[in-house]
Amino acid sequence: MSETCTVYWAPVFIEATQNWNMIYPDLISVHDRIRPYKTSTKSGNFFYCPSFTGLVENTFVLENPIAGSYKIVNNQVVVPDETFINAWTQHTPSMEGCNMMSYGMKWVFFTEEDIEMMLVSPFFGNAEHLKYGNVMPGKLNISKWFRYINLEYILHKGVKEFKVIKGEPLAYVVFNTNKKVNLKRFEMNDKLHAYGLATGTSTKWEPWVPLAARYKRFMESRTNKLVLNEIKKNLVDTDTQK
């Protein structure tokens, strides 16, 4: 059995007149991000704990490329700064008094392996945005569903502003596998966008269906094979392995 597995990933920008690839750096693992701060002490050092390293080596950082600050006025996002990533209020609050704000960056991940991926708030460092809210977490099997990763933040109760610093982690993606993940970057094309839009709107044309049923439909139609074929045609000659 191979000790590594390949996960394909790409930045996603839909209905844009510009190509925003330049604001999506290659992803690095949490382990590589914090390794420069490792001390020389071995006794009790969590860098030598298998349960820790197994997690952070397969956890990758979604990094913020541009600083920005936002205010929510009458349920609309107002951008007072000159530098910003687009943001908007897509949904009404799900929790009493907690505004929700969508951040205009998206990614997609796919693999031939049977792997579940989780989107979570960053648990290392002191990200500025955590003062204002947390990303809405989620989990999906990235071999059985081709779905864009959206960043929607649940603001703390009563909070009506949101700030992010250049370079801070917006969120983490965690791959639940015992194998070491090797990321390979690809570029989205029209066919892949069409598949992503179909899965992304599935709650509209088939609401209140469990993910297992959506996975079944996706696999039985061999949409996974069609997606993988397009990905392999559009690979970028780089990856995050050093």
Protein backbone atom coordinates (compact mmCIF):
# COMPACT_ATOMS: atom_id res chain seq x y z
CA MET A 1 0.00 0.00 0.00
CA SER A 2 1.32 3.43 -0.93
CA GLU A 3 2.32 5.65 1.99
CA THR A 4 1.29 8.80 0.10
CA CYS A 5 -1.86 9.92 -1.69
CA THR A 6 -2.51 12.65 -4.22
CA VAL A 7 -5.08 15.37 -3.63
CA TYR A 8 -5.77 17.70 -6.55
CA TRP A 9 -6.72 21.29 -5.82
CA ALA A 10 -7.47 24.53 -7.64
CA PRO A 11 -8.52 28.10 -6.91
CA VAL A 12 -12.03 28.93 -8.05
CA PHE A 13 -13.29 32.27 -9.35
CA ILE A 14 -16.66 32.34 -11.09
CA GLU A 15 -18.20 35.12 -13.17
CA ALA A 16 -15.00 37.15 -12.91
CA THR A 17 -13.74 39.39 -15.72
CA GLN A 18 -10.18 38.94 -14.42
CA ASN A 19 -8.18 35.79 -13.70
CA TRP A 20 -7.47 35.89 -9.96
CA ASN A 21 -4.99 33.00 -9.87
CA MET A 22 -2.25 35.37 -8.65
CA ILE A 23 -3.90 35.81 -5.23
CA TYR A 24 -3.92 32.07 -4.55
CA PRO A 25 -0.46 30.92 -3.39
CA ASP A 26 0.42 27.24 -3.25
CA LEU A 27 -0.82 25.68 -0.01
CA ILE A 28 1.56 24.70 2.76
CA SER A 29 0.88 22.38 5.66
CA VAL A 30 0.45 23.63 9.20
CA HIS A 31 3.50 21.51 10.09
CA ASP A 32 5.69 23.36 7.58
CA ARG A 33 4.26 26.71 8.64
CA ILE A 34 5.16 26.26 12.32
CA ARG A 35 8.31 24.13 11.95
CA PRO A 36 10.69 27.17 11.90
CA TYR A 37 9.63 27.85 15.52
CA LYS A 38 10.47 24.33 16.72
CA THR A 39 12.78 24.28 19.74
CA SER A 40 15.78 21.96 20.17
CA THR A 41 14.21 20.29 23.22
CA LYS A 42 13.04 16.73 22.53
CA SER A 43 11.54 15.77 25.88
CA GLY A 44 7.84 16.66 25.89
CA ASN A 45 8.12 18.41 22.50
CA PHE A 46 4.84 17.97 20.61
CA PHE A 47 6.72 17.93 17.28
CA TYR A 48 7.75 14.38 18.18
CA CYS A 49 4.20 13.24 19.00
CA PRO A 50 2.84 10.98 16.22
CA SER A 51 -0.78 11.96 16.89
CA PHE A 52 0.16 15.63 16.49
CA THR A 53 2.41 15.32 13.44
CA GLY A 54 -0.04 12.96 11.73
CA LEU A 55 -2.67 15.70 12.00
CA VAL A 56 -0.70 18.84 11.11
CA GLU A 57 1.22 17.27 8.20
CA ASN A 58 -2.14 16.66 6.49
CA THR A 59 -3.67 19.99 7.52
CA PHE A 60 -3.16 22.84 5.05
CA VAL A 61 -3.51 26.61 5.38
CA LEU A 62 -5.88 28.75 3.32
CA GLU A 63 -3.97 32.01 3.48
CA ASN A 64 -5.40 35.51 3.17
CA PRO A 65 -3.65 37.42 0.35
CA ILE A 66 -4.90 40.97 0.99
CA ALA A 67 -5.72 42.86 4.18
CA GLY A 68 -9.24 44.17 4.60
CA SER A 69 -11.85 45.38 7.04
CA TYR A 70 -15.62 45.19 6.74
CA LYS A 71 -18.73 46.47 8.46
CA ILE A 72 -22.24 45.09 8.31
CA VAL A 73 -24.86 47.82 7.95
CA ASN A 74 -28.54 46.93 7.43
CA ASN A 75 -27.53 43.33 6.67
CA GLN A 76 -25.18 44.46 3.90
CA VAL A 77 -21.37 44.38 3.89
CA VAL A 78 -19.67 47.77 3.62
CA VAL A 79 -15.97 47.92 2.69
CA PRO A 80 -14.31 51.01 4.20
CA ASP A 81 -10.70 50.20 3.14
CA GLU A 82 -9.02 50.56 -0.26
CA THR A 83 -7.65 46.99 -0.19
CA PHE A 84 -10.11 44.15 0.13
CA ILE A 85 -11.44 40.82 -1.06
CA ASN A 86 -15.13 40.96 -1.95
CA ALA A 87 -17.49 39.97 0.86
CA TRP A 88 -21.25 39.80 1.22
CA THR A 89 -24.11 38.55 3.37
CA GLN A 90 -25.46 35.48 1.61
CA HIS A 91 -27.58 33.99 4.41
CA THR A 92 -29.66 35.32 7.25
CA PRO A 93 -28.30 34.44 10.70
CA SER A 94 -28.69 30.82 11.81
CA MET A 95 -27.86 31.73 15.42
CA GLU A 96 -29.58 34.51 17.32
CA GLY A 97 -27.61 37.77 17.10
CA CYS A 98 -24.78 36.25 15.02
CA ASN A 99 -24.31 37.84 11.60
CA MET A 100 -22.96 35.73 8.75
CA MET A 101 -20.50 37.00 6.16
CA SER A 102 -19.23 35.24 3.03
CA TYR A 103 -15.64 35.91 1.97
CA GLY A 104 -14.88 35.99 -1.74
CA MET A 105 -12.29 33.22 -2.05
CA LYS A 106 -13.04 29.63 -3.10
CA TRP A 107 -11.08 26.42 -3.58
CA VAL A 108 -11.89 22.93 -4.77
CA PHE A 109 -10.25 19.61 -3.82
CA PHE A 110 -10.57 16.18 -5.41
CA THR A 111 -8.88 12.80 -5.14
CA GLU A 112 -9.05 9.21 -6.34
CA GLU A 113 -8.62 8.05 -2.73
CA ASP A 114 -11.55 7.61 -0.35
CA ILE A 115 -10.81 10.66 1.83
CA GLU A 116 -12.97 12.95 3.93
CA MET A 117 -11.84 16.55 4.18
CA MET A 118 -12.80 19.01 6.91
CA LEU A 119 -12.83 22.80 6.83
CA VAL A 120 -12.06 24.28 10.27
CA SER A 121 -10.93 27.50 11.94
CA PRO A 122 -7.15 27.86 12.36
CA PHE A 123 -5.96 26.46 15.69
CA PHE A 124 -2.37 27.82 15.60
CA GLY A 125 -1.31 31.44 15.89
CA ASN A 126 -3.46 34.43 16.67
CA ALA A 127 -5.39 35.15 13.49
CA GLU A 128 -6.95 38.63 13.57
CA HIS A 129 -10.31 37.48 12.22
CA LEU A 130 -10.89 35.12 15.18
CA LYS A 131 -11.64 38.22 17.27
CA TYR A 132 -14.74 38.71 15.14
CA GLY A 133 -15.92 35.25 14.18
CA ASN A 134 -15.17 31.71 13.03
CA VAL A 135 -15.47 30.03 9.66
CA MET A 136 -18.46 27.74 9.36
CA PRO A 137 -16.94 24.24 9.49
CA GLY A 138 -17.88 21.39 7.21
CA LYS A 139 -16.92 17.90 6.05
CA LEU A 140 -17.23 16.06 2.75
CA ASN A 141 -15.73 13.12 0.87
CA ILE A 142 -13.59 14.67 -1.86
CA SER A 143 -13.48 11.48 -3.95
CA LYS A 144 -17.29 11.30 -4.20
CA TRP A 145 -18.30 14.96 -4.55
CA PHE A 146 -16.81 17.88 -6.52
CA ARG A 147 -17.91 20.84 -4.44
CA TYR A 148 -16.32 24.27 -4.00
CA ILE A 149 -15.04 25.26 -0.56
CA ASN A 150 -16.70 28.52 0.47
CA LEU A 151 -15.63 30.67 3.40
CA GLU A 152 -18.64 31.84 5.35
CA TYR A 153 -17.95 33.33 8.76
CA ILE A 154 -20.26 33.19 11.75
CA LEU A 155 -19.61 36.43 13.61
CA HIS A 156 -19.67 36.49 17.39
CA LYS A 157 -22.92 37.62 18.94
CA GLY A 158 -23.51 41.33 18.44
CA VAL A 159 -20.42 41.79 16.23
CA LYS A 160 -20.95 43.87 13.09
CA GLU A 161 -17.40 44.14 11.78
CA PHE A 162 -14.73 41.81 10.44
CA LYS A 163 -11.00 42.37 9.90
CA VAL A 164 -8.32 40.23 8.28
CA ILE A 165 -4.57 40.75 7.94
CA LYS A 166 -2.46 39.88 4.91
CA GLY A 167 -0.90 36.45 5.36
CA GLU A 168 -3.08 35.23 8.21
CA PRO A 169 -4.79 31.84 7.93
CA LEU A 170 -8.42 32.19 6.89
CA ALA A 171 -9.12 28.52 7.62
CA TYR A 172 -7.54 25.07 7.59
CA VAL A 173 -8.40 22.09 5.41
CA VAL A 174 -7.81 18.76 7.15
CA PHE A 175 -7.50 15.52 5.20
CA ASN A 176 -8.53 12.49 7.25
CA THR A 177 -6.09 9.86 6.06
CA ASN A 178 -3.15 7.96 7.52
CA LYS A 179 -1.22 8.51 4.30
CA LYS A 180 0.86 11.60 3.68
CA VAL A 181 -1.02 13.98 1.39
CA ASN A 182 0.72 15.23 -1.74
CA LEU A 183 -1.09 18.24 -3.19
CA LYS A 184 -1.15 18.78 -6.95
CA ARG A 185 -2.48 22.00 -8.39
CA PHE A 186 -4.69 22.23 -11.48
CA GLU A 187 -6.52 24.98 -13.35
CA MET A 188 -10.29 25.02 -13.63
CA ASN A 189 -11.83 24.93 -17.11
CA ASP A 190 -15.40 25.36 -18.36
CA LYS A 191 -16.29 21.68 -17.94
CA LEU A 192 -15.02 21.59 -14.36
CA HIS A 193 -16.89 24.80 -13.55
CA ALA A 194 -20.06 23.21 -14.92
CA TYR A 195 -19.62 20.12 -12.71
CA GLY A 196 -18.93 22.33 -9.69
CA LEU A 197 -22.00 24.48 -10.34
CA ALA A 198 -24.17 21.37 -10.62
CA THR A 199 -23.06 20.01 -7.25
CA GLY A 200 -23.14 23.47 -5.68
CA THR A 201 -26.78 23.96 -6.65
CA SER A 202 -27.89 20.43 -5.76
CA THR A 203 -29.79 21.63 -2.69
CA LYS A 204 -32.01 23.66 -5.03
CA TRP A 205 -32.93 20.92 -7.52
CA GLU A 206 -32.90 18.09 -4.94
CA PRO A 207 -33.34 19.53 -1.43
CA TRP A 208 -33.21 17.74 1.92
CA VAL A 209 -31.14 14.82 0.64
CA PRO A 210 -28.31 13.36 2.75
CA LEU A 211 -24.78 13.57 1.41
CA ALA A 212 -24.62 9.77 1.09
CA ALA A 213 -27.40 9.92 -1.52
CA ARG A 214 -25.63 12.70 -3.41
CA TYR A 215 -22.40 10.69 -3.35
CA LYS A 216 -24.25 7.68 -4.74
CA ARG A 217 -25.69 9.67 -7.63
CA PHE A 218 -22.27 11.22 -8.36
CA MET A 219 -20.48 7.85 -8.42
CA GLU A 220 -23.15 5.85 -10.27
CA SER A 221 -23.16 8.40 -13.09
CA ARG A 222 -19.34 8.14 -13.21
CA THR A 223 -19.12 11.90 -12.80
CA ASN A 224 -16.04 11.24 -10.65
CA LYS A 225 -14.27 9.80 -13.72
CA LEU A 226 -15.27 12.74 -15.88
CA VAL A 227 -14.02 15.23 -13.29
CA LEU A 228 -10.73 13.36 -12.85
CA ASN A 229 -10.13 13.23 -16.61
CA GLU A 230 -10.54 17.01 -16.87
CA ILE A 231 -8.30 17.64 -13.85
CA LYS A 232 -5.46 15.57 -15.31
CA LYS A 233 -5.66 17.58 -18.55
CA ASN A 234 -5.19 20.81 -16.59
CA LEU A 235 -2.43 20.06 -14.08
CA VAL A 236 0.00 22.84 -13.16
CA ASP A 237 3.62 21.77 -13.08
CA THR A 238 4.09 22.34 -9.36
CA ASP A 239 3.05 20.89 -6.02
CA THR A 240 3.54 21.66 -2.35
CA GLN A 241 5.99 18.84 -1.62
CA LYS A 242 9.46 20.19 -0.85
